[in-house]
Amino acid sequence: MQTDTAPPDDYVARLRNAIQRLNHCESKYIATVTVSESFLIFHKPKLWQGEVAIFEIYGHSKAQRAYAWSYTVDNQPARYVVVLEIPPVNSPATAVQAALAAQIVKGTLC
């Protein structure tokens, strides 16, 4: 579901910076959507819900789009997540699924 308002410019700039830092490509903000993803971890239901920004990216050999968001844990600095649209990732929802799966495998899911 696309949100009606764009996030603040400084937040978009931080996400664009994360895309540049992690993937060495330029980006253009397109839209923000709300994603809700439920899953089980250690037999307990969890819900991830957040705003995912969609970007067109330029200069990447395999992807033309990226999905990005940030989150905080306790009082630590924000952490930025960038997922490129490379199959099987083809939407904001599958980007969140891929990021959650990676965090589960790494043991870093909070």
Protein backbone atom coordinates (compact mmCIF):
# COMPACT_ATOMS: atom_id res chain seq x y z
CA MET A 1 0.00 0.00 0.00
CA GLN A 2 1.54 3.31 -1.09
CA THR A 3 1.55 6.07 1.49
CA ASP A 4 0.15 9.51 0.70
CA THR A 5 3.15 11.51 1.85
CA ALA A 6 6.83 11.21 1.09
CA PRO A 7 9.25 10.80 3.99
CA PRO A 8 11.34 13.83 5.01
CA ASP A 9 14.09 14.81 2.57
CA ASP A 10 16.86 14.13 5.11
CA TYR A 11 15.60 10.56 5.61
CA VAL A 12 15.50 9.95 1.85
CA ALA A 13 19.04 11.38 1.64
CA ARG A 14 20.24 8.95 4.33
CA LEU A 15 18.66 6.02 2.46
CA ARG A 16 20.23 7.20 -0.82
CA ASN A 17 23.58 7.43 0.96
CA ALA A 18 23.18 3.85 2.20
CA ILE A 19 22.42 2.68 -1.35
CA GLN A 20 25.52 4.48 -2.63
CA ARG A 21 27.75 3.17 0.17
CA LEU A 22 26.58 -0.44 -0.04
CA ASN A 23 26.07 -0.84 -3.80
CA HIS A 24 28.13 1.93 -5.42
CA CYS A 25 25.28 3.30 -7.53
CA GLU A 26 23.16 6.42 -7.74
CA SER A 27 19.46 6.39 -6.92
CA LYS A 28 16.23 8.33 -7.32
CA TYR A 29 13.40 8.14 -4.79
CA ILE A 30 10.12 6.84 -6.30
CA ALA A 31 7.62 6.10 -3.51
CA THR A 32 7.11 4.70 -0.04
CA VAL A 33 4.85 1.75 0.78
CA THR A 34 3.73 0.14 4.01
CA VAL A 35 4.70 -3.50 4.37
CA SER A 36 3.46 -5.95 7.02
CA GLU A 37 5.10 -9.34 7.22
CA SER A 38 4.25 -12.01 9.77
CA PHE A 39 6.54 -14.96 10.45
CA LEU A 40 7.48 -17.51 13.09
CA ILE A 41 10.75 -17.45 14.96
CA PHE A 42 11.38 -20.07 17.63
CA HIS A 43 7.71 -21.08 17.27
CA LYS A 44 6.55 -17.60 18.28
CA PRO A 45 4.61 -15.38 15.89
CA LYS A 46 6.31 -12.09 15.01
CA LEU A 47 5.14 -9.16 12.96
CA TRP A 48 7.35 -6.80 10.99
CA GLN A 49 5.61 -3.64 9.90
CA GLY A 50 7.24 -0.59 8.41
CA GLU A 51 7.64 1.88 5.60
CA VAL A 52 9.78 0.72 2.67
CA ALA A 53 11.14 3.32 0.26
CA ILE A 54 11.43 2.39 -3.40
CA PHE A 55 14.30 3.76 -5.48
CA GLU A 56 15.32 3.53 -9.11
CA ILE A 57 19.04 2.84 -9.20
CA TYR A 58 21.60 3.65 -11.88
CA GLY A 59 24.96 2.05 -12.49
CA HIS A 60 24.30 -1.42 -11.13
CA SER A 61 24.87 -4.32 -13.51
CA LYS A 62 21.95 -6.48 -12.30
CA ALA A 63 19.36 -4.27 -10.61
CA GLN A 64 17.32 -1.27 -11.65
CA ARG A 65 15.46 -0.87 -8.37
CA ALA A 66 16.27 -0.94 -4.65
CA TYR A 67 14.14 -1.08 -1.51
CA ALA A 68 15.39 0.62 1.63
CA TRP A 69 14.38 1.35 5.21
CA SER A 70 15.94 1.92 8.59
CA TYR A 71 15.31 0.70 12.10
CA THR A 72 16.70 1.25 15.57
CA VAL A 73 17.49 -1.15 18.37
CA ASP A 74 17.34 0.22 21.87
CA ASN A 75 19.18 3.55 21.87
CA GLN A 76 21.71 2.64 19.19
CA PRO A 77 22.16 4.61 15.96
CA ALA A 78 19.78 3.78 13.12
CA ARG A 79 20.59 0.76 10.99
CA TYR A 80 19.91 0.95 7.27
CA VAL A 81 18.70 -1.93 5.14
CA VAL A 82 19.01 -1.93 1.35
CA VAL A 83 17.74 -4.82 -0.77
CA LEU A 84 18.24 -4.81 -4.53
CA GLU A 85 15.48 -5.97 -6.86
CA ILE A 86 17.25 -9.10 -8.11
CA PRO A 87 15.15 -12.30 -8.37
CA PRO A 88 13.60 -13.65 -6.26
CA VAL A 89 13.17 -10.12 -4.87
CA ASN A 90 10.58 -8.36 -7.02
CA SER A 91 8.60 -6.12 -4.62
CA PRO A 92 8.88 -4.30 -1.31
CA ALA A 93 7.29 -7.30 0.45
CA THR A 94 9.81 -9.79 -0.97
CA ALA A 95 12.61 -7.37 -0.07
CA VAL A 96 11.45 -7.43 3.56
CA GLN A 97 11.17 -11.24 3.45
CA ALA A 98 14.72 -11.52 2.11
CA ALA A 99 16.09 -9.14 4.74
CA LEU A 100 14.29 -10.96 7.56
CA ALA A 101 15.56 -14.33 6.30
CA ALA A 102 19.13 -12.99 6.19
CA GLN A 103 18.83 -11.64 9.73
CA ILE A 104 17.44 -14.96 10.99
CA VAL A 105 20.32 -16.87 9.37
CA LYS A 106 22.91 -14.41 10.79
CA GLY A 107 21.22 -14.46 14.21
CA THR A 108 20.84 -10.68 14.17
CA LEU A 109 17.04 -10.42 14.11
CA CYS A 110 15.90 -8.21 16.97
